[in-house]
Amino acid sequence: MPNNTFNILTDSLSTLISIQNPIKNNEIANNITNLLNSTNKLITLTWIPSHTGIEGNERADMMAKQATSDQTIEVLYSLSKDDLKREAKHFITNLWRKEWHLLRDNKLREIKPTTDRWINPTNLTRQQEVILTRLRIGHTWHTHKHLMDKTDLEPCITCGSEISIKHLLLECRQFNEERTKHNIPSSLSVCLNNEPLNINRTLSFIRDTNLHKTL
């Protein structure tokens, strides 16, 4: 008569915990659970600490190490959907990063030299978040009102230069005093990056120059 009772010993505690978790995001753990539930055999999973002098466990470790160095053994790579998604995301992220660094004469790249995610300080108000976002994308009423009004682009009345976020934050002579007061960095990417200190300086500069009214 065949034996229908089995005890599987494993030193992978994380695997056992994953199988016991009722809310499973791991495809392999889900497959193991489905197999256990669909069989008419009594299967017990037992955790054994590794490297504790248990003869059978030590022997299994030794044989596993020997197998990894055996050139005659065919290695099978089994990837779950989660593994494939993770690898695809990693590949796409790296491809995006490479293409981003190859861009030339791109205004957004001047503001954001990397593809890393922008994370705003948690103490910003909704209005401050809107202002910061508009500064980062470079589209504001002050810089693009001519498109909405269907008129010609007017230069800065102080400098005669084209009005842009870069000009307003770093160049316009009209705001030299406020720029010095708030110690505004000389780089757009530094003014608008994730550092709370730089963001607070930039937003304070925008407030004191009243530029927030036209952003």
N, C-alpha and C. Protein backbone atom coordinates (compact mmCIF):
# COMPACT_ATOMS: atom_id res chain seq x y z
N MET A 1 0.86 -1.19 0.00
CA MET A 1 0.00 0.00 0.00
C MET A 1 0.89 1.24 0.00
N PRO A 2 0.63 2.20 -0.90
CA PRO A 2 1.48 3.39 -0.97
C PRO A 2 1.32 4.25 0.27
N ASN A 3 2.40 4.91 0.61
CA ASN A 3 2.39 5.80 1.78
C ASN A 3 1.83 7.16 1.36
N ASN A 4 0.79 7.63 2.02
CA ASN A 4 0.18 8.92 1.70
C ASN A 4 0.53 10.00 2.71
N THR A 5 1.44 9.73 3.58
CA THR A 5 1.86 10.70 4.60
C THR A 5 3.32 11.09 4.35
N PHE A 6 3.54 12.41 4.23
CA PHE A 6 4.89 12.90 3.93
C PHE A 6 5.22 14.08 4.83
N ASN A 7 6.48 14.18 5.16
CA ASN A 7 6.98 15.31 5.95
C ASN A 7 8.12 15.96 5.18
N ILE A 8 7.93 17.19 4.74
CA ILE A 8 8.95 17.91 3.97
C ILE A 8 9.70 18.85 4.91
N LEU A 9 10.99 18.66 5.00
CA LEU A 9 11.83 19.47 5.88
C LEU A 9 12.52 20.55 5.06
N THR A 10 12.49 21.77 5.54
CA THR A 10 13.13 22.89 4.83
C THR A 10 13.72 23.86 5.83
N ASP A 11 14.85 24.47 5.43
CA ASP A 11 15.45 25.50 6.29
C ASP A 11 15.06 26.91 5.83
N SER A 12 14.12 27.00 4.89
CA SER A 12 13.67 28.30 4.38
C SER A 12 12.44 28.75 5.17
N LEU A 13 12.68 29.45 6.26
CA LEU A 13 11.58 29.92 7.10
C LEU A 13 10.73 30.95 6.36
N SER A 14 11.36 31.77 5.54
CA SER A 14 10.61 32.79 4.80
C SER A 14 9.60 32.16 3.85
N THR A 15 9.96 31.00 3.27
CA THR A 15 9.03 30.30 2.38
C THR A 15 7.81 29.81 3.13
N LEU A 16 8.04 29.23 4.30
CA LEU A 16 6.93 28.72 5.10
C LEU A 16 6.00 29.85 5.55
N ILE A 17 6.59 30.97 5.93
CA ILE A 17 5.78 32.12 6.34
C ILE A 17 4.96 32.64 5.17
N SER A 18 5.57 32.66 3.98
CA SER A 18 4.86 33.11 2.78
C SER A 18 3.69 32.20 2.45
N ILE A 19 3.87 30.89 2.63
CA ILE A 19 2.80 29.93 2.35
C ILE A 19 1.65 30.09 3.34
N GLN A 20 1.98 30.40 4.60
CA GLN A 20 0.96 30.56 5.63
C GLN A 20 0.20 31.87 5.49
N ASN A 21 0.78 32.84 4.82
CA ASN A 21 0.15 34.15 4.70
C ASN A 21 -1.11 34.05 3.85
N PRO A 22 -2.27 34.44 4.38
CA PRO A 22 -3.51 34.33 3.60
C PRO A 22 -3.57 35.31 2.44
N ILE A 23 -2.85 36.39 2.54
CA ILE A 23 -2.80 37.38 1.45
C ILE A 23 -1.44 37.24 0.78
N LYS A 24 -1.40 36.52 -0.32
CA LYS A 24 -0.13 36.17 -0.95
C LYS A 24 0.05 36.94 -2.25
N ASN A 25 1.20 37.56 -2.39
CA ASN A 25 1.54 38.24 -3.63
C ASN A 25 2.59 37.46 -4.42
N ASN A 26 3.11 36.38 -3.82
CA ASN A 26 4.16 35.60 -4.45
C ASN A 26 3.54 34.44 -5.22
N GLU A 27 3.80 34.40 -6.52
CA GLU A 27 3.20 33.39 -7.37
C GLU A 27 3.65 31.98 -6.99
N ILE A 28 4.92 31.83 -6.63
CA ILE A 28 5.43 30.51 -6.26
C ILE A 28 4.74 30.01 -4.99
N ALA A 29 4.56 30.89 -4.00
CA ALA A 29 3.87 30.49 -2.76
C ALA A 29 2.43 30.10 -3.06
N ASN A 30 1.79 30.83 -3.97
CA ASN A 30 0.42 30.48 -4.36
C ASN A 30 0.36 29.10 -5.01
N ASN A 31 1.33 28.80 -5.87
CA ASN A 31 1.35 27.50 -6.54
C ASN A 31 1.56 26.36 -5.55
N ILE A 32 2.45 26.58 -4.56
CA ILE A 32 2.68 25.56 -3.54
C ILE A 32 1.41 25.31 -2.74
N THR A 33 0.72 26.40 -2.37
CA THR A 33 -0.52 26.26 -1.60
C THR A 33 -1.58 25.50 -2.39
N ASN A 34 -1.69 25.83 -3.67
CA ASN A 34 -2.68 25.14 -4.52
C ASN A 34 -2.37 23.64 -4.64
N LEU A 35 -1.10 23.30 -4.76
CA LEU A 35 -0.71 21.89 -4.85
C LEU A 35 -1.02 21.16 -3.54
N LEU A 36 -0.74 21.81 -2.42
CA LEU A 36 -1.00 21.17 -1.13
C LEU A 36 -2.50 20.94 -0.91
N ASN A 37 -3.31 21.90 -1.37
CA ASN A 37 -4.76 21.81 -1.16
C ASN A 37 -5.43 20.83 -2.14
N SER A 38 -4.78 20.57 -3.26
CA SER A 38 -5.42 19.74 -4.28
C SER A 38 -5.04 18.27 -4.19
N THR A 39 -4.14 17.92 -3.31
CA THR A 39 -3.70 16.53 -3.21
C THR A 39 -4.48 15.79 -2.12
N ASN A 40 -4.58 14.48 -2.27
CA ASN A 40 -5.24 13.67 -1.25
C ASN A 40 -4.23 13.08 -0.27
N LYS A 41 -3.00 13.57 -0.35
CA LYS A 41 -1.95 13.10 0.56
C LYS A 41 -1.82 14.05 1.75
N LEU A 42 -1.39 13.52 2.87
CA LEU A 42 -1.15 14.32 4.07
C LEU A 42 0.30 14.79 4.05
N ILE A 43 0.49 16.07 3.80
CA ILE A 43 1.84 16.62 3.68
C ILE A 43 2.07 17.63 4.80
N THR A 44 3.11 17.44 5.55
CA THR A 44 3.48 18.36 6.64
C THR A 44 4.77 19.07 6.27
N LEU A 45 4.76 20.38 6.41
CA LEU A 45 5.96 21.17 6.15
C LEU A 45 6.60 21.52 7.49
N THR A 46 7.88 21.21 7.62
CA THR A 46 8.58 21.41 8.89
C THR A 46 9.82 22.25 8.66
N TRP A 47 9.97 23.26 9.51
CA TRP A 47 11.17 24.10 9.42
C TRP A 47 12.28 23.52 10.28
N ILE A 48 13.48 23.42 9.71
CA ILE A 48 14.64 23.00 10.48
C ILE A 48 15.72 24.07 10.34
N PRO A 49 16.28 24.51 11.43
CA PRO A 49 17.35 25.52 11.35
C PRO A 49 18.54 24.96 10.58
N SER A 50 19.12 25.78 9.76
CA SER A 50 20.27 25.32 8.97
C SER A 50 21.54 25.37 9.80
N HIS A 51 22.50 24.52 9.42
CA HIS A 51 23.82 24.51 10.03
C HIS A 51 23.76 24.35 11.55
N THR A 52 22.99 23.36 12.01
CA THR A 52 22.89 23.10 13.45
C THR A 52 23.41 21.71 13.81
N GLY A 53 24.13 21.09 12.91
CA GLY A 53 24.69 19.78 13.20
C GLY A 53 23.76 18.62 12.92
N ILE A 54 22.60 18.90 12.30
CA ILE A 54 21.69 17.81 11.94
C ILE A 54 22.28 17.09 10.73
N GLU A 55 22.50 15.81 10.87
CA GLU A 55 23.24 15.07 9.85
C GLU A 55 22.59 15.17 8.47
N GLY A 56 21.27 14.93 8.38
CA GLY A 56 20.60 14.98 7.09
C GLY A 56 20.65 16.36 6.47
N ASN A 57 20.50 17.40 7.29
CA ASN A 57 20.54 18.77 6.79
C ASN A 57 21.92 19.14 6.28
N GLU A 58 22.93 18.75 7.04
CA GLU A 58 24.30 19.03 6.63
C GLU A 58 24.63 18.30 5.33
N ARG A 59 24.13 17.09 5.19
CA ARG A 59 24.38 16.32 3.98
C ARG A 59 23.70 16.97 2.78
N ALA A 60 22.47 17.46 2.99
CA ALA A 60 21.75 18.13 1.90
C ALA A 60 22.48 19.40 1.47
N ASP A 61 23.02 20.16 2.43
CA ASP A 61 23.79 21.36 2.11
C ASP A 61 25.03 21.02 1.29
N MET A 62 25.70 19.93 1.71
CA MET A 62 26.91 19.53 1.01
C MET A 62 26.62 19.11 -0.42
N MET A 63 25.54 18.36 -0.61
CA MET A 63 25.19 17.90 -1.95
C MET A 63 24.74 19.07 -2.83
N ALA A 64 24.07 20.05 -2.22
CA ALA A 64 23.65 21.23 -2.99
C ALA A 64 24.87 22.01 -3.48
N LYS A 65 25.89 22.13 -2.62
CA LYS A 65 27.10 22.83 -3.02
C LYS A 65 27.83 22.08 -4.13
N GLN A 66 27.84 20.75 -4.03
CA GLN A 66 28.49 19.97 -5.06
C GLN A 66 27.77 20.11 -6.41
N ALA A 67 26.43 20.18 -6.34
CA ALA A 67 25.65 20.29 -7.57
C ALA A 67 25.91 21.61 -8.29
N THR A 68 26.13 22.67 -7.53
CA THR A 68 26.36 23.97 -8.16
C THR A 68 27.68 24.01 -8.92
N SER A 69 28.62 23.16 -8.54
CA SER A 69 29.92 23.15 -9.22
C SER A 69 30.04 22.03 -10.24
N ASP A 70 28.99 21.24 -10.40
CA ASP A 70 29.01 20.12 -11.35
C ASP A 70 28.60 20.63 -12.73
N GLN A 71 29.55 20.61 -13.67
CA GLN A 71 29.30 21.15 -15.00
C GLN A 71 28.36 20.27 -15.83
N THR A 72 28.13 19.02 -15.39
CA THR A 72 27.28 18.11 -16.17
C THR A 72 25.81 18.25 -15.83
N ILE A 73 25.50 19.03 -14.79
CA ILE A 73 24.11 19.18 -14.36
C ILE A 73 23.49 20.37 -15.09
N GLU A 74 22.35 20.17 -15.69
CA GLU A 74 21.65 21.23 -16.39
C GLU A 74 20.93 22.12 -15.38
N VAL A 75 21.19 23.41 -15.43
CA VAL A 75 20.57 24.36 -14.51
C VAL A 75 19.28 24.88 -15.13
N LEU A 76 18.20 24.73 -14.42
CA LEU A 76 16.90 25.19 -14.89
C LEU A 76 16.53 26.47 -14.16
N TYR A 77 16.20 27.51 -14.91
CA TYR A 77 15.82 28.78 -14.33
C TYR A 77 14.30 28.93 -14.43
N SER A 78 13.67 28.97 -13.29
CA SER A 78 12.21 29.11 -13.24
C SER A 78 11.87 30.49 -12.70
N LEU A 79 11.28 31.32 -13.54
CA LEU A 79 10.93 32.68 -13.14
C LEU A 79 9.42 32.80 -13.00
N SER A 80 9.00 33.45 -11.92
CA SER A 80 7.58 33.69 -11.71
C SER A 80 7.18 34.96 -12.46
N LYS A 81 5.88 35.24 -12.49
CA LYS A 81 5.41 36.48 -13.12
C LYS A 81 5.98 37.69 -12.41
N ASP A 82 6.08 37.61 -11.08
CA ASP A 82 6.65 38.72 -10.31
C ASP A 82 8.10 38.95 -10.69
N ASP A 83 8.86 37.84 -10.89
CA ASP A 83 10.26 37.97 -11.30
C ASP A 83 10.37 38.64 -12.67
N LEU A 84 9.51 38.21 -13.59
CA LEU A 84 9.54 38.77 -14.95
C LEU A 84 9.17 40.25 -14.94
N LYS A 85 8.16 40.60 -14.15
CA LYS A 85 7.76 42.01 -14.05
C LYS A 85 8.90 42.85 -13.49
N ARG A 86 9.56 42.32 -12.46
CA ARG A 86 10.66 43.05 -11.85
C ARG A 86 11.81 43.24 -12.82
N GLU A 87 12.14 42.20 -13.58
CA GLU A 87 13.22 42.30 -14.56
C GLU A 87 12.85 43.27 -15.69
N ALA A 88 11.58 43.21 -16.14
CA ALA A 88 11.14 44.12 -17.20
C ALA A 88 11.19 45.57 -16.73
N LYS A 89 10.75 45.81 -15.50
CA LYS A 89 10.78 47.16 -14.96
C LYS A 89 12.21 47.67 -14.83
N HIS A 90 13.11 46.79 -14.40
CA HIS A 90 14.52 47.16 -14.27
C HIS A 90 15.11 47.48 -15.63
N PHE A 91 14.79 46.68 -16.65
CA PHE A 91 15.30 46.91 -18.00
C PHE A 91 14.79 48.22 -18.57
N ILE A 92 13.49 48.48 -18.42
CA ILE A 92 12.89 49.71 -18.96
C ILE A 92 13.45 50.94 -18.25
N THR A 93 13.63 50.84 -16.94
CA THR A 93 14.17 51.97 -16.17
C THR A 93 15.57 52.31 -16.63
N ASN A 94 16.41 51.29 -16.83
CA ASN A 94 17.77 51.54 -17.30
C ASN A 94 17.80 52.11 -18.70
N LEU A 95 16.89 51.63 -19.57
CA LEU A 95 16.82 52.15 -20.93
C LEU A 95 16.38 53.60 -20.93
N TRP A 96 15.40 53.92 -20.11
CA TRP A 96 14.93 55.31 -19.98
C TRP A 96 16.05 56.21 -19.47
N ARG A 97 16.80 55.72 -18.48
CA ARG A 97 17.88 56.52 -17.91
C ARG A 97 18.96 56.82 -18.96
N LYS A 98 19.29 55.82 -19.79
CA LYS A 98 20.31 56.02 -20.82
C LYS A 98 19.83 57.02 -21.87
N GLU A 99 18.58 56.88 -22.31
CA GLU A 99 18.05 57.79 -23.31
C GLU A 99 17.94 59.21 -22.76
N TRP A 100 17.61 59.32 -21.49
CA TRP A 100 17.48 60.65 -20.87
C TRP A 100 18.81 61.38 -20.87
N HIS A 101 19.90 60.65 -20.61
CA HIS A 101 21.22 61.27 -20.56
C HIS A 101 21.73 61.63 -21.96
N LEU A 102 21.13 61.04 -23.00
CA LEU A 102 21.55 61.35 -24.36
C LEU A 102 20.85 62.57 -24.93
N LEU A 103 19.83 63.06 -24.22
CA LEU A 103 19.08 64.21 -24.71
C LEU A 103 19.95 65.45 -24.75
N ARG A 104 19.75 66.25 -25.76
CA ARG A 104 20.48 67.50 -25.89
C ARG A 104 19.48 68.65 -26.06
N ASP A 105 19.83 69.80 -25.49
CA ASP A 105 18.99 70.99 -25.60
C ASP A 105 17.56 70.70 -25.14
N ASN A 106 17.45 70.00 -24.04
CA ASN A 106 16.14 69.68 -23.48
C ASN A 106 15.97 70.47 -22.18
N LYS A 107 14.94 71.33 -22.15
CA LYS A 107 14.74 72.19 -20.98
C LYS A 107 14.43 71.40 -19.73
N LEU A 108 13.64 70.35 -19.87
CA LEU A 108 13.28 69.57 -18.70
C LEU A 108 14.49 68.84 -18.13
N ARG A 109 15.39 68.37 -18.99
CA ARG A 109 16.59 67.70 -18.51
C ARG A 109 17.49 68.66 -17.74
N GLU A 110 17.46 69.94 -18.10
CA GLU A 110 18.24 70.94 -17.36
C GLU A 110 17.69 71.09 -15.95
N ILE A 111 16.38 70.95 -15.80
CA ILE A 111 15.77 71.05 -14.49
C ILE A 111 15.91 69.74 -13.72
N LYS A 112 15.80 68.64 -14.43
CA LYS A 112 15.85 67.32 -13.79
C LYS A 112 16.86 66.44 -14.53
N PRO A 113 18.13 66.47 -14.13
CA PRO A 113 19.17 65.75 -14.86
C PRO A 113 19.09 64.23 -14.74
N THR A 114 18.29 63.71 -13.80
CA THR A 114 18.16 62.26 -13.64
C THR A 114 16.69 61.86 -13.81
N THR A 115 16.46 60.55 -13.91
CA THR A 115 15.09 60.05 -14.00
C THR A 115 14.55 59.63 -12.64
N ASP A 116 15.28 59.93 -11.58
CA ASP A 116 14.82 59.61 -10.24
C ASP A 116 13.54 60.37 -9.92
N ARG A 117 12.72 59.77 -9.10
CA ARG A 117 11.42 60.36 -8.78
C ARG A 117 11.59 61.60 -7.90
N TRP A 118 10.83 62.65 -8.22
CA TRP A 118 10.77 63.83 -7.37
C TRP A 118 9.88 63.54 -6.18
N ILE A 119 10.36 63.85 -4.99
CA ILE A 119 9.57 63.68 -3.78
C ILE A 119 9.50 65.02 -3.07
N ASN A 120 8.31 65.59 -2.97
CA ASN A 120 8.15 66.89 -2.35
C ASN A 120 8.18 66.78 -0.83
N PRO A 121 8.64 67.83 -0.15
CA PRO A 121 8.55 67.85 1.32
C PRO A 121 7.11 67.70 1.77
N THR A 122 6.91 67.05 2.89
CA THR A 122 5.55 66.74 3.35
C THR A 122 4.82 67.95 3.92
N ASN A 123 5.54 69.02 4.20
CA ASN A 123 4.90 70.18 4.84
C ASN A 123 4.40 71.22 3.85
N LEU A 124 4.44 70.93 2.55
CA LEU A 124 3.99 71.90 1.56
C LEU A 124 2.46 71.97 1.52
N THR A 125 1.96 73.17 1.31
CA THR A 125 0.53 73.34 1.10
C THR A 125 0.18 72.95 -0.33
N ARG A 126 -1.12 72.85 -0.58
CA ARG A 126 -1.56 72.49 -1.94
C ARG A 126 -1.11 73.57 -2.93
N GLN A 127 -1.21 74.82 -2.56
CA GLN A 127 -0.79 75.90 -3.45
C GLN A 127 0.70 75.84 -3.74
N GLN A 128 1.50 75.54 -2.72
CA GLN A 128 2.95 75.44 -2.91
C GLN A 128 3.30 74.26 -3.83
N GLU A 129 2.58 73.16 -3.70
CA GLU A 129 2.82 72.01 -4.58
C GLU A 129 2.52 72.36 -6.03
N VAL A 130 1.43 73.10 -6.25
CA VAL A 130 1.06 73.51 -7.61
C VAL A 130 2.15 74.43 -8.18
N ILE A 131 2.60 75.39 -7.38
CA ILE A 131 3.63 76.32 -7.84
C ILE A 131 4.91 75.56 -8.18
N LEU A 132 5.31 74.65 -7.31
CA LEU A 132 6.54 73.89 -7.53
C LEU A 132 6.44 73.05 -8.80
N THR A 133 5.30 72.43 -9.02
CA THR A 133 5.11 71.61 -10.23
C THR A 133 5.20 72.47 -11.48
N ARG A 134 4.58 73.63 -11.46
CA ARG A 134 4.63 74.52 -12.62
C ARG A 134 6.04 75.03 -12.88
N LEU A 135 6.78 75.29 -11.81
CA LEU A 135 8.17 75.71 -11.99
C LEU A 135 8.99 74.60 -12.63
N ARG A 136 8.73 73.37 -12.23
CA ARG A 136 9.50 72.24 -12.74
C ARG A 136 9.22 71.95 -14.21
N ILE A 137 7.95 72.02 -14.61
CA ILE A 137 7.64 71.73 -16.01
C ILE A 137 7.87 72.95 -16.89
N GLY A 138 8.02 74.13 -16.27
CA GLY A 138 8.33 75.34 -17.03
C GLY A 138 7.16 76.00 -17.71
N HIS A 139 5.94 75.57 -17.39
CA HIS A 139 4.74 76.14 -18.01
C HIS A 139 3.93 76.91 -16.97
N THR A 140 3.92 78.22 -17.08
CA THR A 140 3.17 79.08 -16.17
C THR A 140 2.45 80.15 -16.97
N TRP A 141 1.53 80.83 -16.31
CA TRP A 141 0.85 81.94 -16.97
C TRP A 141 1.86 83.03 -17.32
N HIS A 142 2.83 83.24 -16.44
CA HIS A 142 3.80 84.30 -16.65
C HIS A 142 4.66 84.04 -17.88
N THR A 143 4.96 82.79 -18.14
CA THR A 143 5.86 82.46 -19.26
C THR A 143 5.11 82.07 -20.54
N HIS A 144 3.83 81.70 -20.41
CA HIS A 144 3.11 81.20 -21.58
C HIS A 144 1.76 81.90 -21.81
N LYS A 145 1.57 83.06 -21.22
CA LYS A 145 0.30 83.77 -21.39
C LYS A 145 0.06 84.18 -22.83
N HIS A 146 1.15 84.38 -23.59
CA HIS A 146 0.99 84.79 -24.98
C HIS A 146 0.31 83.70 -25.81
N LEU A 147 0.50 82.44 -25.39
CA LEU A 147 -0.17 81.35 -26.11
C LEU A 147 -1.66 81.35 -25.85
N MET A 148 -2.04 81.63 -24.60
CA MET A 148 -3.46 81.67 -24.26
C MET A 148 -4.14 82.92 -24.81
N ASP A 149 -3.39 84.03 -24.85
CA ASP A 149 -3.95 85.28 -25.38
C ASP A 149 -3.80 85.39 -26.89
N LYS A 150 -3.08 84.43 -27.49
CA LYS A 150 -2.81 84.44 -28.93
C LYS A 150 -2.15 85.74 -29.37
N THR A 151 -1.12 86.12 -28.61
CA THR A 151 -0.36 87.33 -28.91
C THR A 151 1.11 86.97 -29.08
N ASP A 152 1.91 87.96 -29.47
CA ASP A 152 3.34 87.72 -29.62
C ASP A 152 4.02 87.63 -28.25
N LEU A 153 5.10 86.87 -28.20
CA LEU A 153 5.86 86.71 -26.97
C LEU A 153 6.57 88.02 -26.65
N GLU A 154 6.33 88.53 -25.46
CA GLU A 154 6.94 89.79 -25.04
C GLU A 154 8.17 89.50 -24.19
N PRO A 155 9.27 90.22 -24.42
CA PRO A 155 10.49 89.99 -23.63
C PRO A 155 10.36 90.60 -22.23
N CYS A 156 11.29 90.27 -21.37
CA CYS A 156 11.33 90.83 -20.02
C CYS A 156 11.52 92.33 -20.10
N ILE A 157 10.70 93.10 -19.39
CA ILE A 157 10.77 94.57 -19.46
C ILE A 157 12.04 95.10 -18.80
N THR A 158 12.67 94.32 -17.94
CA THR A 158 13.89 94.76 -17.25
C THR A 158 15.14 94.41 -18.03
N CYS A 159 15.18 93.19 -18.57
CA CYS A 159 16.40 92.70 -19.20
C CYS A 159 16.32 92.60 -20.71
N GLY A 160 15.11 92.57 -21.25
CA GLY A 160 14.94 92.40 -22.68
C GLY A 160 15.13 90.97 -23.14
N SER A 161 15.27 90.05 -22.21
CA SER A 161 15.47 88.65 -22.54
C SER A 161 14.13 87.91 -22.60
N GLU A 162 14.17 86.71 -23.20
CA GLU A 162 12.97 85.90 -23.24
C GLU A 162 12.62 85.45 -21.82
N ILE A 163 11.35 85.55 -21.49
CA ILE A 163 10.91 85.18 -20.15
C ILE A 163 10.79 83.66 -20.05
N SER A 164 11.46 83.10 -19.06
CA SER A 164 11.40 81.66 -18.79
C SER A 164 11.58 81.47 -17.29
N ILE A 165 11.34 80.26 -16.83
CA ILE A 165 11.54 79.97 -15.42
C ILE A 165 13.00 80.18 -15.04
N LYS A 166 13.90 79.78 -15.91
CA LYS A 166 15.33 79.97 -15.65
C LYS A 166 15.66 81.45 -15.52
N HIS A 167 15.09 82.26 -16.41
CA HIS A 167 15.35 83.69 -16.35
C HIS A 167 14.82 84.30 -15.05
N LEU A 168 13.60 83.91 -14.66
CA LEU A 168 12.99 84.47 -13.46
C LEU A 168 13.74 84.06 -12.20
N LEU A 169 14.14 82.81 -12.12
CA LEU A 169 14.78 82.32 -10.90
C LEU A 169 16.25 82.71 -10.81
N LEU A 170 16.97 82.73 -11.93
CA LEU A 170 18.42 82.85 -11.87
C LEU A 170 19.01 84.10 -12.50
N GLU A 171 18.29 84.75 -13.41
CA GLU A 171 18.95 85.76 -14.24
C GLU A 171 18.39 87.18 -14.13
N CYS A 172 17.10 87.32 -13.99
CA CYS A 172 16.48 88.65 -14.11
C CYS A 172 17.04 89.63 -13.07
N ARG A 173 17.51 90.78 -13.56
CA ARG A 173 18.11 91.78 -12.68
C ARG A 173 17.10 92.37 -11.71
N GLN A 174 15.84 92.31 -12.07
CA GLN A 174 14.78 92.88 -11.23
C GLN A 174 14.72 92.20 -9.86
N PHE A 175 15.17 90.94 -9.79
CA PHE A 175 15.04 90.18 -8.55
C PHE A 175 16.39 89.86 -7.91
N ASN A 176 17.42 90.63 -8.24
CA ASN A 176 18.75 90.35 -7.69
C ASN A 176 18.76 90.42 -6.16
N GLU A 177 18.07 91.40 -5.60
CA GLU A 177 18.07 91.57 -4.15
C GLU A 177 17.41 90.38 -3.45
N GLU A 178 16.24 89.97 -3.95
CA GLU A 178 15.55 88.82 -3.36
C GLU A 178 16.35 87.53 -3.56
N ARG A 179 17.03 87.42 -4.71
CA ARG A 179 17.81 86.22 -5.01
C ARG A 179 18.96 86.09 -4.00
N THR A 180 19.59 87.21 -3.67
CA THR A 180 20.68 87.20 -2.68
C THR A 180 20.13 86.94 -1.28
N LYS A 181 19.00 87.54 -0.98
CA LYS A 181 18.38 87.38 0.34
C LYS A 181 18.09 85.92 0.65
N HIS A 182 17.59 85.19 -0.33
CA HIS A 182 17.20 83.81 -0.10
C HIS A 182 18.28 82.81 -0.52
N ASN A 183 19.45 83.32 -0.92
CA ASN A 183 20.57 82.45 -1.27
C ASN A 183 20.16 81.42 -2.32
N ILE A 184 19.59 81.92 -3.41
CA ILE A 184 19.12 81.04 -4.48
C ILE A 184 20.31 80.43 -5.21
N PRO A 185 20.36 79.10 -5.36
CA PRO A 185 21.47 78.45 -6.09
C PRO A 185 21.51 78.91 -7.55
N SER A 186 22.64 78.69 -8.18
CA SER A 186 22.83 79.14 -9.56
C SER A 186 22.43 78.07 -10.57
N SER A 187 21.78 77.02 -10.13
CA SER A 187 21.37 75.93 -11.01
C SER A 187 19.89 75.63 -10.84
N LEU A 188 19.20 75.46 -11.97
CA LEU A 188 17.77 75.14 -11.91
C LEU A 188 17.54 73.80 -11.21
N SER A 189 18.37 72.82 -11.52
CA SER A 189 18.19 71.49 -10.93
C SER A 189 18.34 71.53 -9.42
N VAL A 190 19.22 72.40 -8.91
CA VAL A 190 19.39 72.51 -7.45
C VAL A 190 18.22 73.27 -6.84
N CYS A 191 17.75 74.30 -7.51
CA CYS A 191 16.61 75.08 -7.00
C CYS A 191 15.36 74.22 -6.84
N LEU A 192 15.18 73.25 -7.72
CA LEU A 192 13.92 72.53 -7.79
C LEU A 192 14.05 71.05 -7.47
N ASN A 193 15.14 70.65 -6.83
CA ASN A 193 15.33 69.22 -6.54
C ASN A 193 14.55 68.80 -5.29
N ASN A 194 14.90 67.65 -4.74
CA ASN A 194 14.15 67.10 -3.61
C ASN A 194 14.56 67.67 -2.26
N GLU A 195 15.63 68.45 -2.20
CA GLU A 195 16.11 68.95 -0.93
C GLU A 195 15.14 69.98 -0.35
N PRO A 196 14.59 69.73 0.84
CA PRO A 196 13.62 70.67 1.44
C PRO A 196 14.17 72.09 1.58
N LEU A 197 15.46 72.21 1.93
CA LEU A 197 16.05 73.53 2.11
C LEU A 197 16.00 74.33 0.82
N ASN A 198 16.41 73.72 -0.29
CA ASN A 198 16.42 74.42 -1.58
C ASN A 198 15.00 74.75 -2.04
N ILE A 199 14.07 73.83 -1.84
CA ILE A 199 12.68 74.08 -2.24
C ILE A 199 12.09 75.22 -1.42
N ASN A 200 12.35 75.24 -0.12
CA ASN A 200 11.83 76.31 0.73
C ASN A 200 12.42 77.66 0.33
N ARG A 201 13.69 77.67 -0.02
CA ARG A 201 14.32 78.92 -0.48
C ARG A 201 13.66 79.41 -1.77
N THR A 202 13.44 78.50 -2.69
CA THR A 202 12.83 78.87 -3.97
C THR A 202 11.41 79.38 -3.77
N LEU A 203 10.63 78.70 -2.96
CA LEU A 203 9.25 79.12 -2.73
C LEU A 203 9.19 80.45 -1.99
N SER A 204 10.12 80.68 -1.07
CA SER A 204 10.18 81.98 -0.37
C SER A 204 10.53 83.10 -1.34
N PHE A 205 11.45 82.80 -2.26
CA PHE A 205 11.80 83.77 -3.30
C PHE A 205 10.59 84.10 -4.18
N ILE A 206 9.86 83.08 -4.58
CA ILE A 206 8.67 83.29 -5.40
C ILE A 206 7.64 84.14 -4.67
N ARG A 207 7.50 83.91 -3.37
CA ARG A 207 6.53 84.67 -2.58
C ARG A 207 6.95 86.14 -2.45
N ASP A 208 8.22 86.38 -2.12
CA ASP A 208 8.68 87.75 -1.89
C ASP A 208 8.72 88.58 -3.17
N THR A 209 8.85 87.93 -4.32
CA THR A 209 8.85 88.65 -5.59
C THR A 209 7.46 88.79 -6.18
N ASN A 210 6.48 88.21 -5.49
CA ASN A 210 5.08 88.21 -5.95
C ASN A 210 4.90 87.44 -7.25
N LEU A 211 5.87 86.61 -7.62
CA LEU A 211 5.73 85.83 -8.82
C LEU A 211 4.65 84.74 -8.68
N HIS A 212 4.35 84.38 -7.43
CA HIS A 212 3.33 83.35 -7.21
C HIS A 212 1.96 83.77 -7.75
N LYS A 213 1.75 85.06 -7.89
CA LYS A 213 0.46 85.54 -8.40
C LYS A 213 0.30 85.31 -9.90
N THR A 214 1.41 85.08 -10.58
CA THR A 214 1.33 84.87 -12.03
C THR A 214 1.85 83.50 -12.44
N LEU A 215 1.87 82.56 -11.50
CA LEU A 215 2.29 81.20 -11.80
C LEU A 215 1.08 80.28 -11.88
